[in-house]
Protein backbone atom coordinates (compact mmCIF):
# COMPACT_ATOMS: atom_id res chain seq x y z
CA MET A 1 93.31 115.55 64.54
CA PRO A 2 95.74 115.52 67.33
CA LYS A 3 94.99 118.04 69.97
CA LYS A 4 97.51 120.94 70.34
CA VAL A 5 98.01 123.11 73.41
CA VAL A 6 100.13 126.15 73.47
CA LEU A 7 102.32 126.54 76.78
CA SER A 8 103.85 129.89 77.97
CA TYR A 9 107.24 128.56 78.86
CA SER A 10 110.25 129.99 80.91
CA GLY A 11 112.29 126.76 81.51
CA GLY A 12 111.63 126.72 85.18
CA LEU A 13 110.37 124.39 87.49
CA ASP A 14 106.58 125.06 87.01
CA THR A 15 106.64 125.39 83.28
CA SER A 16 108.53 122.36 82.91
CA ILE A 17 106.50 119.96 84.66
CA CYS A 18 103.58 121.26 82.89
CA ILE A 19 104.59 119.56 79.72
CA PRO A 20 104.33 116.00 80.78
CA LEU A 21 101.39 116.96 82.98
CA LEU A 22 99.62 118.30 80.08
CA LYS A 23 100.06 114.96 78.17
CA GLU A 24 99.53 112.84 81.21
CA ARG A 25 96.39 114.53 82.90
CA TYR A 26 94.67 116.32 80.00
CA GLU A 27 95.55 114.17 77.13
CA TYR A 28 96.90 116.54 74.78
CA ASP A 29 98.97 114.81 71.79
CA GLN A 30 101.16 118.00 71.15
CA VAL A 31 102.65 120.53 73.70
CA ILE A 32 103.89 123.58 71.88
CA THR A 33 106.32 125.65 74.15
CA VAL A 34 106.80 129.48 73.71
CA ALA A 35 109.47 131.32 75.51
CA VAL A 36 109.33 135.22 75.27
CA ASP A 37 112.51 137.20 75.52
CA VAL A 38 111.90 140.14 77.57
CA GLY A 39 115.40 140.62 78.50
CA GLN A 40 116.42 137.81 80.83
CA SER A 41 119.51 136.48 80.75
CA ARG A 42 121.09 134.62 77.70
CA SER A 43 121.83 131.57 79.58
CA GLU A 44 118.13 131.39 80.78
CA ILE A 45 117.07 131.56 77.01
CA LYS A 46 119.50 129.03 76.18
CA GLU A 47 118.55 126.72 78.97
CA ALA A 48 114.75 127.00 78.04
CA GLU A 49 115.56 126.15 74.62
CA GLU A 50 117.34 123.12 75.34
CA LYS A 51 114.72 121.90 77.83
CA ALA A 52 112.12 122.67 75.44
CA SER A 53 113.82 120.55 72.63
CA LYS A 54 113.69 117.61 74.89
CA LEU A 55 110.49 117.83 76.50
CA SER A 56 108.09 119.53 74.19
CA ASP A 57 107.03 118.69 70.45
CA LYS A 58 107.70 122.25 69.13
CA HIS A 59 109.28 125.27 70.48
CA TYR A 60 109.37 129.18 69.88
CA THR A 61 111.70 131.61 71.21
CA LEU A 62 110.34 135.22 70.18
CA ASP A 63 112.46 138.18 70.84
CA ALA A 64 110.09 140.78 72.24
CA ARG A 65 112.77 143.02 73.89
CA GLU A 66 112.38 146.07 71.81
CA GLU A 67 108.64 145.91 71.88
CA PHE A 68 108.72 145.42 75.90
CA VAL A 69 110.91 148.58 76.35
CA GLN A 70 109.18 150.82 73.92
CA ASP A 71 105.39 149.78 74.52
CA TYR A 72 105.55 148.72 78.08
CA LEU A 73 108.67 150.17 80.29
CA PHE A 74 108.33 153.78 78.43
CA PRO A 75 105.02 154.22 79.53
CA LEU A 76 105.78 152.68 83.06
CA ILE A 77 108.58 155.39 83.52
CA LYS A 78 106.35 158.15 82.18
CA ALA A 79 103.64 157.03 84.75
CA ASN A 80 106.48 156.55 87.81
CA GLY A 81 105.07 152.75 87.83
CA ASP A 82 105.01 151.30 90.95
CA TYR A 83 103.09 149.28 93.13
CA GLU A 84 102.60 149.98 97.23
CA GLY A 85 105.92 151.72 96.76
CA TYR A 86 107.91 149.38 95.00
CA VAL A 87 108.82 148.89 91.38
CA LEU A 88 106.70 147.19 89.10
CA GLY A 89 108.47 144.46 87.37
CA THR A 90 107.21 141.00 86.94
CA ALA A 91 103.63 142.09 86.53
CA ILE A 92 104.48 144.43 83.12
CA THR A 93 105.94 141.80 81.38
CA ARG A 94 102.77 139.23 81.71
CA PRO A 95 100.42 140.79 79.09
CA LEU A 96 102.94 141.11 76.42
CA ILE A 97 104.11 137.18 76.79
CA ALA A 98 100.61 136.06 77.05
CA LYS A 99 99.71 137.98 73.64
CA LYS A 100 102.81 136.49 72.03
CA VAL A 101 101.50 133.11 73.14
CA VAL A 102 98.25 133.58 71.58
CA ASP A 103 99.66 134.56 68.45
CA ILE A 104 101.31 131.43 68.21
CA ALA A 105 98.45 129.51 69.23
CA ASN A 106 96.47 131.11 66.27
CA GLU A 107 99.43 130.46 63.94
CA GLU A 108 99.51 126.69 65.18
CA GLY A 109 95.63 125.92 64.78
CA ALA A 110 96.08 125.09 68.65
CA ASP A 111 92.94 124.10 70.85
CA ALA A 112 94.07 125.43 73.95
CA LEU A 113 96.51 127.77 75.79
CA ALA A 114 98.22 126.96 79.13
CA HIS A 115 100.47 128.44 81.55
CA GLY A 116 102.36 127.30 84.87
CA CYS A 117 100.99 129.58 87.33
CA THR A 118 99.56 128.45 90.86
CA GLY A 119 96.39 129.61 92.47
CA LYS A 120 98.06 131.47 94.92
CA GLY A 121 99.79 134.30 92.69
CA ASN A 122 98.51 137.20 90.59
CA ASP A 123 100.17 135.64 87.27
CA GLN A 124 97.08 133.41 87.03
CA LEU A 125 94.91 136.50 86.33
CA ARG A 126 97.43 138.13 84.06
CA PHE A 127 97.76 135.47 81.58
CA ASP A 128 93.99 134.43 82.01
CA VAL A 129 92.53 137.95 81.21
CA VAL A 130 94.50 137.80 77.79
CA PHE A 131 93.94 134.15 77.24
CA ARG A 132 90.44 134.65 77.62
CA THR A 133 89.85 137.03 74.72
CA THR A 134 90.20 134.18 72.56
CA ASN A 135 87.91 131.14 72.24
CA LEU A 136 90.58 128.71 73.08
CA ASP A 137 90.44 126.36 76.32
CA VAL A 138 92.72 127.83 79.21
CA VAL A 139 94.61 125.28 81.07
CA ALA A 140 96.45 125.79 84.50
CA PRO A 141 97.70 122.48 85.72
CA LEU A 142 99.60 123.69 88.79
CA ARG A 143 96.47 125.56 89.70
CA ASP A 144 94.24 122.45 89.10
CA LEU A 145 96.55 119.99 90.77
CA ASP A 146 96.84 122.45 94.08
CA LYS A 147 100.34 120.54 94.87
CA THR A 148 103.21 122.32 97.07
CA ARG A 149 106.46 123.16 95.24
CA GLU A 150 108.26 120.31 97.05
CA TRP A 151 105.93 118.11 95.05
CA GLU A 152 106.82 119.66 91.93
CA ILE A 153 110.35 119.10 92.50
CA GLU A 154 109.83 115.46 93.41
CA TYR A 155 107.56 115.13 90.10
CA ALA A 156 110.33 116.69 88.00
CA ILE A 157 113.21 114.32 89.51
CA ASN A 158 110.83 111.21 88.63
CA HIS A 159 110.46 112.60 85.24
CA ASP A 160 114.14 113.51 84.55
CA ILE A 161 113.56 117.03 84.38
CA PRO A 162 116.32 119.24 85.08
CA VAL A 163 115.57 122.17 87.31
CA PRO A 164 117.61 124.52 89.30
CA ALA A 165 115.49 124.62 92.37
CA THR A 166 116.17 121.90 95.03
CA LYS A 167 114.39 121.34 98.56
CA SER A 168 117.06 123.25 100.19
CA LYS A 169 117.03 126.13 97.90
CA PRO A 170 113.45 125.98 96.26
CA TRP A 171 113.62 129.56 95.05
CA SER A 172 111.16 130.62 92.21
CA ILE A 173 113.05 133.44 89.96
CA ASP A 174 111.49 135.52 87.17
CA GLU A 175 113.91 137.80 85.32
CA ASN A 176 113.40 140.51 82.83
CA ILE A 177 115.41 143.72 81.75
CA TRP A 178 113.57 145.60 84.29
CA SER A 179 113.66 143.51 87.37
CA ARG A 180 114.42 139.98 88.96
CA SER A 181 112.10 138.52 91.62
CA ILE A 182 113.09 135.84 93.95
CA GLU A 183 110.22 134.14 96.03
CA GLY A 184 109.25 130.90 97.42
CA GLY A 185 110.63 128.25 100.40
CA MET A 186 112.04 130.12 103.34
CA LEU A 187 111.60 133.62 101.86
CA ASP A 188 107.54 133.07 102.38
CA ASP A 189 108.37 133.62 106.13
CA PRO A 190 108.68 137.41 106.60
CA PHE A 191 111.04 136.72 109.57
CA TYR A 192 113.47 134.80 107.53
CA ALA A 193 116.35 137.22 106.40
CA GLN A 194 117.09 137.46 102.80
CA PRO A 195 120.17 135.27 102.23
CA GLU A 196 123.00 136.74 100.16
CA GLU A 197 122.88 133.91 97.65
CA ILE A 198 119.81 134.97 96.01
CA PHE A 199 121.00 138.04 94.74
CA ARG A 200 122.66 138.34 91.03
CA TRP A 201 122.42 141.62 89.67
CA THR A 202 123.57 143.45 92.97
CA THR A 203 126.27 143.89 95.14
CA ALA A 204 125.60 143.75 98.93
CA PRO A 205 125.75 147.78 99.96
CA GLU A 206 128.40 147.14 102.65
CA LYS A 207 130.88 145.51 99.89
CA ALA A 208 129.85 148.17 97.24
CA PRO A 209 132.94 150.77 96.15
CA ASP A 210 133.80 153.18 99.10
CA VAL A 211 133.70 155.87 96.18
CA ALA A 212 130.55 157.52 95.22
CA GLU A 213 129.64 157.50 91.38
CA VAL A 214 127.82 160.39 89.68
CA ILE A 215 125.86 159.71 86.63
CA GLU A 216 123.88 162.11 84.22
CA ILE A 217 120.75 160.76 82.59
CA GLY A 218 119.18 162.76 79.61
CA PHE A 219 115.24 162.37 79.17
CA GLU A 220 113.30 163.63 76.34
CA LYS A 221 109.30 163.77 76.95
CA GLY A 222 109.62 161.43 79.91
CA ILE A 223 111.74 158.76 78.01
CA PRO A 224 115.54 158.18 79.04
CA ILE A 225 117.43 158.77 76.04
CA SER A 226 121.22 159.15 77.10
CA LEU A 227 123.53 157.84 79.89
CA LYS A 228 126.73 159.81 81.03
CA GLY A 229 126.41 161.99 77.92
CA LYS A 230 125.90 159.33 75.34
CA LYS A 231 122.68 158.67 73.49
CA MET A 232 121.49 155.06 73.81
CA ASP A 233 118.40 153.00 72.75
CA GLY A 234 116.23 152.32 75.53
CA PHE A 235 117.25 148.70 76.12
CA SER A 236 120.85 149.23 76.05
CA LEU A 237 120.59 152.17 78.51
CA ILE A 238 118.63 150.11 81.17
CA GLU A 239 121.05 147.08 80.43
CA LYS A 240 124.07 149.43 81.14
CA LEU A 241 122.33 151.29 84.13
CA ASN A 242 121.49 147.83 85.62
CA LYS A 243 125.46 147.17 85.79
CA ILE A 244 126.35 150.43 87.23
CA GLY A 245 123.68 150.57 89.68
CA GLY A 246 124.23 146.92 90.71
CA LYS A 247 128.03 147.33 91.29
CA HIS A 248 126.73 150.25 93.93
CA GLY A 249 124.14 147.85 95.43
CA VAL A 250 121.32 149.76 94.28
CA GLY A 251 117.74 148.40 93.94
CA ARG A 252 117.13 145.68 96.42
CA SER A 253 113.61 145.22 97.63
CA ASP A 254 112.18 143.04 100.36
CA ILE A 255 108.51 144.04 100.84
CA MET A 256 105.12 142.57 101.86
CA GLU A 257 102.86 142.63 99.05
CA ASP A 258 99.21 142.70 98.80
CA ARG A 259 98.26 140.25 96.20
CA VAL A 260 95.04 140.79 94.06
CA LEU A 261 93.23 137.61 95.42
CA GLY A 262 93.87 139.40 99.17
CA LEU A 263 96.66 137.23 100.09
CA LYS A 264 99.71 139.28 101.84
CA MET A 265 102.99 137.40 100.71
CA ARG A 266 106.65 138.25 101.02
CA GLU A 267 108.63 139.34 97.89
CA SER A 268 112.21 140.06 97.19
CA TYR A 269 113.49 141.91 94.15
CA GLU A 270 116.35 143.35 92.28
CA HIS A 271 115.92 146.44 89.95
CA PRO A 272 119.07 148.88 89.67
CA ALA A 273 118.04 150.66 86.56
CA ALA A 274 114.62 150.82 87.46
CA THR A 275 115.38 152.36 90.92
CA ILE A 276 117.51 154.89 89.41
CA LEU A 277 115.51 155.92 86.60
CA LEU A 278 112.40 156.15 88.29
CA GLU A 279 113.76 158.38 91.03
CA ALA A 280 115.42 160.64 88.54
CA HIS A 281 112.29 160.96 86.49
CA ARG A 282 110.26 161.87 89.51
CA ASP A 283 112.54 164.49 90.25
CA LEU A 284 112.75 165.84 86.93
CA GLU A 285 108.87 166.17 86.77
CA LYS A 286 109.11 168.34 89.88
CA LEU A 287 111.07 170.74 88.03
CA VAL A 288 108.90 171.30 85.02
CA LEU A 289 105.35 170.54 86.05
CA THR A 290 102.89 172.76 88.16
CA ARG A 291 102.03 172.05 91.64
CA ALA A 292 98.43 171.09 90.55
CA GLU A 293 99.76 168.88 87.87
CA LEU A 294 101.89 167.01 90.24
CA LYS A 295 99.23 166.53 92.61
CA PHE A 296 96.62 165.24 90.10
CA LYS A 297 99.06 163.19 88.29
CA ALA A 298 100.18 161.36 91.61
CA MET A 299 96.66 160.04 91.81
CA VAL A 300 96.74 159.20 88.16
CA ASP A 301 100.18 157.01 88.66
CA ASP A 302 98.85 155.24 91.48
CA MET A 303 95.78 154.14 89.44
CA TRP A 304 98.18 153.29 86.63
CA GLY A 305 100.21 151.07 88.78
CA GLU A 306 97.29 149.35 90.17
CA LEU A 307 95.88 148.40 86.71
CA ALA A 308 99.35 147.39 85.60
CA TYR A 309 99.92 145.31 88.71
CA GLN A 310 96.73 143.51 88.11
CA GLY A 311 97.65 142.88 84.18
CA LEU A 312 94.77 145.31 83.03
CA VAL A 313 96.83 147.07 80.54
CA ASP A 314 93.75 146.73 77.92
CA ASP A 315 91.34 148.39 80.17
CA PRO A 316 89.82 151.27 78.57
CA LEU A 317 90.72 153.31 81.97
CA MET A 318 94.55 152.60 81.23
CA ALA A 319 94.25 154.28 77.77
CA ASP A 320 92.52 157.25 79.48
CA LEU A 321 95.22 157.52 82.00
CA ASN A 322 98.11 157.29 79.38
CA ALA A 323 96.40 160.10 77.47
CA PHE A 324 96.89 162.44 80.56
CA ILE A 325 100.32 161.14 81.45
CA ASP A 326 101.45 161.69 77.78
CA LYS A 327 100.30 165.33 77.93
CA THR A 328 102.17 165.88 81.12
CA GLN A 329 105.34 164.20 79.38
CA GLU A 330 105.52 166.89 76.65
CA ARG A 331 107.68 169.07 78.97
CA VAL A 332 109.78 166.29 80.72
CA THR A 333 112.78 167.12 79.08
CA GLY A 334 116.33 167.74 80.71
CA PHE A 335 119.26 166.09 82.72
CA VAL A 336 119.38 164.63 86.04
CA LYS A 337 122.48 163.59 88.02
CA ALA A 338 122.22 160.69 90.51
CA ARG A 339 124.79 159.80 93.23
CA LEU A 340 125.22 156.00 93.47
CA PHE A 341 126.86 155.16 97.03
CA LYS A 342 126.60 151.87 99.12
CA GLY A 343 123.04 150.99 98.06
CA ASN A 344 121.38 154.52 97.68
CA SER A 345 120.69 156.39 94.42
CA ARG A 346 119.98 160.26 95.29
CA VAL A 347 119.53 163.04 92.71
CA VAL A 348 121.97 165.74 93.23
CA ALA A 349 121.27 168.03 90.31
CA ARG A 350 118.78 168.62 87.60
CA ARG A 351 118.19 171.10 84.62
CA SER A 352 115.80 171.59 81.88
CA PRO A 353 114.74 174.27 79.25
CA ASN A 354 111.22 173.74 80.60
CA ALA A 355 112.08 174.47 84.32
CA LEU A 356 109.49 176.34 86.39
CA SER A 357 111.72 177.34 89.07
CA PHE A 358 111.87 181.09 89.74
CA GLU A 359 115.14 182.77 89.27
CA GLY A 360 114.03 186.46 88.92
CA SER A 361 113.71 189.33 91.25
CA LEU A 362 110.61 190.56 93.15
CA ASN A 363 109.71 193.42 95.55
CA GLN A 364 109.76 191.42 98.81
CA LYS A 365 107.31 194.20 100.36
CA SER A 366 104.42 193.04 97.73
CA ALA A 367 104.21 189.78 99.90
CA GLU A 368 102.98 191.72 102.72
CA GLY A 369 99.27 192.01 101.56
CA TYR A 370 99.08 188.34 100.99
CA SER A 371 100.49 187.69 104.32
CA LYS A 372 97.79 189.74 106.03
CA PHE A 373 95.13 187.38 104.85
CA TYR A 374 97.01 184.03 105.11
CA GLY A 375 95.73 181.92 107.91
CA LEU A 376 92.74 184.41 108.44
CA GLN A 377 90.07 181.88 109.47
CA ALA A 378 92.24 180.22 111.80
CA ARG A 379 92.79 183.39 113.50
CA ILE A 380 89.04 184.24 113.63
CA PHE A 381 88.47 180.77 115.10
CA GLN A 382 91.29 181.14 117.76
CA ASN A 383 89.59 184.35 118.92
CA LEU A 384 86.19 182.68 118.92
CA ILE A 385 87.28 179.90 121.22
CA LYS A 386 88.78 182.47 123.65
CA ARG A 387 85.40 183.75 124.54
CA PHE A 388 84.39 180.45 125.98
């Protein structure tokens, strides 16, 4: 029986050189590639399919766009999903992609699962935690070989594998409908300024339109359902908002990220729609949730972001957190207006049938009794220290 391995495939440098490596170094007879569409560009999907047709023995492209939005991005929005203050993007795709690869491996009767992750990043853990729920071998050629990206580029050249990365521009790019990440090469140096050429989704803020644009986003139970008064499905809304926000230079990040392994690495991201939607969602929550709910939910959201970043979306705690979050979102319905201008998104108005804002009248004299007790312990303390 031929030995089969199913490889999670993006069409980039790392996963492309894994195909010959799996045959040369691990002696697999058949390498089956799986590309999962989570909203990356059509050209990227087409390029992956063309490469796979030449390099692999069999290829699958699976459309998971709707599932990604419904089962991963909507929960992320409700949880205000971020990690260390920036938008979660790449991390949230990995469990879904890994599960789709496992499905194909089971269908093909494969002996092993493989990915192109290195030993420095987080993705190895995000894939492994899903892959190891099976009884199949897990293979990570680039982690095993411990080679540099320059070595990978040289290997690709020697094996006639076309890759966009070059020694002068060795960017590693990952894209989905929610975010686009760029890393590697000179970008690893925190003191190296981001070159404009790495950006594709966003206009440089200084070159963005000189006139601000105000947009209205409608939410229902924490989920965005309309844009500029028009109801839209989740994928289309995010796609449209990426274009609008990108035009105004909204959604660029340049951060130092604490990886799961403890490494502190520089990361660059583009995420226009995510930036706008998360800011709008947080603002609407402030209108409809109580002070105590907001304070407690901030802790829940923080833990949700940690688990999502680590790829532990199937941890029992994640289900517990989602149960609480979903309960809070029952009232997060309404409309938010955001002003987009020169790289910034700022909420300028909001309304909801569930608003807790006080708009009635009261007898202001009634507050005097409360005021007499306010800060009482501090006043007593101040009187005590005057004796010494």
